[in-house]
Amino acid sequence: MGTILYIAGLACAVLAVIDIFKKRISMAGKVMASLLVLLTSWFGVVVYYFYAKDHLTEWFR
């Protein structure tokens, strides 16, 4: 069961990083946001999809 949750979390994090790199923001902003999502695991993915997704272009221009 733990392996399934780990793989699901990893897949969600990869999808979030792909979404971050599609946004029109600076490369430094893309790298910082991606690292933050990847290093915080589930919490980072949840925060990204429910809040930060719509605000990244404002934060990193």
N, C-alpha and C. Protein backbone atom coordinates (compact mmCIF):
# COMPACT_ATOMS: atom_id res chain seq x y z
N MET A 1 0.82 -1.20 0.00
CA MET A 1 0.00 0.00 0.00
C MET A 1 0.86 1.25 0.00
N GLY A 2 1.95 1.24 0.75
CA GLY A 2 2.83 2.39 0.82
C GLY A 2 3.49 2.68 -0.51
N THR A 3 3.81 1.64 -1.25
CA THR A 3 4.45 1.81 -2.55
C THR A 3 3.49 2.49 -3.53
N ILE A 4 2.24 2.13 -3.47
CA ILE A 4 1.24 2.73 -4.35
C ILE A 4 1.10 4.21 -4.06
N LEU A 5 1.06 4.58 -2.79
CA LEU A 5 0.97 6.00 -2.42
C LEU A 5 2.21 6.77 -2.85
N TYR A 6 3.36 6.14 -2.71
CA TYR A 6 4.61 6.79 -3.12
C TYR A 6 4.61 7.04 -4.63
N ILE A 7 4.21 6.06 -5.42
CA ILE A 7 4.18 6.21 -6.87
C ILE A 7 3.13 7.25 -7.28
N ALA A 8 1.98 7.25 -6.62
CA ALA A 8 0.96 8.25 -6.93
C ALA A 8 1.46 9.66 -6.60
N GLY A 9 2.13 9.82 -5.48
CA GLY A 9 2.69 11.12 -5.11
C GLY A 9 3.76 11.58 -6.08
N LEU A 10 4.59 10.66 -6.50
CA LEU A 10 5.64 10.98 -7.46
C LEU A 10 5.04 11.39 -8.80
N ALA A 11 4.01 10.69 -9.24
CA ALA A 11 3.35 11.03 -10.50
C ALA A 11 2.70 12.42 -10.42
N CYS A 12 2.05 12.72 -9.31
CA CYS A 12 1.44 14.04 -9.14
C CYS A 12 2.50 15.13 -9.12
N ALA A 13 3.62 14.88 -8.47
CA ALA A 13 4.70 15.86 -8.42
C ALA A 13 5.29 16.10 -9.81
N VAL A 14 5.47 15.05 -10.58
CA VAL A 14 5.99 15.19 -11.94
C VAL A 14 5.02 15.98 -12.81
N LEU A 15 3.73 15.71 -12.68
CA LEU A 15 2.73 16.47 -13.45
C LEU A 15 2.73 17.94 -13.04
N ALA A 16 2.92 18.21 -11.76
CA ALA A 16 2.99 19.60 -11.30
C ALA A 16 4.22 20.30 -11.87
N VAL A 17 5.36 19.61 -11.90
CA VAL A 17 6.58 20.20 -12.45
C VAL A 17 6.42 20.46 -13.95
N ILE A 18 5.80 19.56 -14.66
CA ILE A 18 5.55 19.78 -16.09
C ILE A 18 4.66 21.00 -16.29
N ASP A 19 3.65 21.13 -15.45
CA ASP A 19 2.76 22.29 -15.52
C ASP A 19 3.51 23.58 -15.20
N ILE A 20 4.42 23.53 -14.25
CA ILE A 20 5.21 24.72 -13.89
C ILE A 20 6.07 25.15 -15.07
N PHE A 21 6.70 24.20 -15.75
CA PHE A 21 7.58 24.54 -16.86
C PHE A 21 6.83 25.02 -18.10
N LYS A 22 5.52 24.82 -18.16
CA LYS A 22 4.72 25.35 -19.26
C LYS A 22 4.34 26.81 -19.05
N LYS A 23 4.45 27.30 -17.83
CA LYS A 23 4.05 28.67 -17.53
C LYS A 23 5.06 29.67 -18.06
N ARG A 24 4.61 30.88 -18.33
CA ARG A 24 5.48 31.93 -18.86
C ARG A 24 6.06 32.73 -17.70
N ILE A 25 7.02 32.16 -17.01
CA ILE A 25 7.73 32.81 -15.92
C ILE A 25 9.22 32.63 -16.15
N SER A 26 10.03 33.30 -15.34
CA SER A 26 11.48 33.21 -15.51
C SER A 26 11.97 31.80 -15.20
N MET A 27 13.13 31.46 -15.75
CA MET A 27 13.69 30.12 -15.53
C MET A 27 14.02 29.91 -14.06
N ALA A 28 14.51 30.95 -13.39
CA ALA A 28 14.81 30.83 -11.96
C ALA A 28 13.53 30.55 -11.17
N GLY A 29 12.45 31.19 -11.55
CA GLY A 29 11.16 30.93 -10.90
C GLY A 29 10.67 29.52 -11.13
N LYS A 30 10.87 29.01 -12.34
CA LYS A 30 10.47 27.64 -12.65
C LYS A 30 11.26 26.64 -11.82
N VAL A 31 12.56 26.87 -11.72
CA VAL A 31 13.41 25.95 -10.95
C VAL A 31 13.05 26.01 -9.47
N MET A 32 12.88 27.22 -8.93
CA MET A 32 12.56 27.36 -7.51
C MET A 32 11.21 26.71 -7.19
N ALA A 33 10.20 26.97 -8.00
CA ALA A 33 8.88 26.40 -7.75
C ALA A 33 8.91 24.88 -7.89
N SER A 34 9.64 24.38 -8.88
CA SER A 34 9.73 22.92 -9.08
C SER A 34 10.42 22.25 -7.91
N LEU A 35 11.53 22.83 -7.46
CA LEU A 35 12.23 22.25 -6.30
C LEU A 35 11.36 22.26 -5.06
N LEU A 36 10.63 23.34 -4.87
CA LEU A 36 9.75 23.43 -3.71
C LEU A 36 8.67 22.35 -3.75
N VAL A 37 8.09 22.13 -4.91
CA VAL A 37 7.06 21.09 -5.05
C VAL A 37 7.67 19.71 -4.83
N LEU A 38 8.83 19.46 -5.42
CA LEU A 38 9.44 18.13 -5.30
C LEU A 38 9.94 17.84 -3.89
N LEU A 39 10.47 18.84 -3.21
CA LEU A 39 11.03 18.61 -1.88
C LEU A 39 9.98 18.52 -0.78
N THR A 40 8.80 19.04 -1.03
CA THR A 40 7.77 19.00 0.01
C THR A 40 6.74 17.90 -0.21
N SER A 41 6.94 17.09 -1.21
CA SER A 41 6.12 15.91 -1.47
C SER A 41 4.64 16.24 -1.58
N TRP A 42 3.79 15.50 -0.88
CA TRP A 42 2.34 15.66 -0.98
C TRP A 42 1.88 17.05 -0.62
N PHE A 43 2.46 17.62 0.42
CA PHE A 43 2.06 18.96 0.86
C PHE A 43 2.30 19.97 -0.26
N GLY A 44 3.45 19.90 -0.90
CA GLY A 44 3.76 20.81 -1.98
C GLY A 44 2.83 20.66 -3.17
N VAL A 45 2.50 19.44 -3.50
CA VAL A 45 1.59 19.19 -4.62
C VAL A 45 0.20 19.74 -4.32
N VAL A 46 -0.28 19.52 -3.11
CA VAL A 46 -1.61 20.02 -2.73
C VAL A 46 -1.63 21.54 -2.74
N VAL A 47 -0.62 22.17 -2.16
CA VAL A 47 -0.56 23.63 -2.14
C VAL A 47 -0.46 24.18 -3.56
N TYR A 48 0.33 23.52 -4.39
CA TYR A 48 0.47 23.98 -5.77
C TYR A 48 -0.87 23.94 -6.50
N TYR A 49 -1.56 22.81 -6.47
CA TYR A 49 -2.79 22.67 -7.24
C TYR A 49 -3.95 23.50 -6.69
N PHE A 50 -4.00 23.72 -5.37
CA PHE A 50 -5.14 24.45 -4.82
C PHE A 50 -4.90 25.94 -4.64
N TYR A 51 -3.63 26.39 -4.65
CA TYR A 51 -3.38 27.81 -4.44
C TYR A 51 -2.35 28.40 -5.40
N ALA A 52 -1.18 27.85 -5.43
CA ALA A 52 -0.06 28.47 -6.13
C ALA A 52 -0.17 28.41 -7.65
N LYS A 53 -0.91 27.49 -8.18
CA LYS A 53 -1.02 27.32 -9.64
C LYS A 53 -1.48 28.62 -10.31
N ASP A 54 -2.42 29.30 -9.69
CA ASP A 54 -2.97 30.52 -10.26
C ASP A 54 -2.14 31.76 -9.94
N HIS A 55 -1.20 31.65 -9.01
CA HIS A 55 -0.45 32.81 -8.56
C HIS A 55 1.02 32.82 -8.99
N LEU A 56 1.49 31.78 -9.63
CA LEU A 56 2.90 31.71 -10.00
C LEU A 56 3.31 32.84 -10.95
N THR A 57 2.47 33.20 -11.89
CA THR A 57 2.84 34.24 -12.82
C THR A 57 2.95 35.60 -12.13
N GLU A 58 2.22 35.80 -11.04
CA GLU A 58 2.35 37.04 -10.28
C GLU A 58 3.63 37.04 -9.46
N TRP A 59 3.99 35.90 -8.90
CA TRP A 59 5.15 35.83 -8.02
C TRP A 59 6.46 35.86 -8.78
N PHE A 60 6.54 35.18 -9.91
CA PHE A 60 7.79 35.09 -10.68
C PHE A 60 7.57 35.67 -12.07
N ARG A 61 7.98 36.89 -12.26
CA ARG A 61 7.83 37.53 -13.58
C ARG A 61 9.12 37.57 -14.31
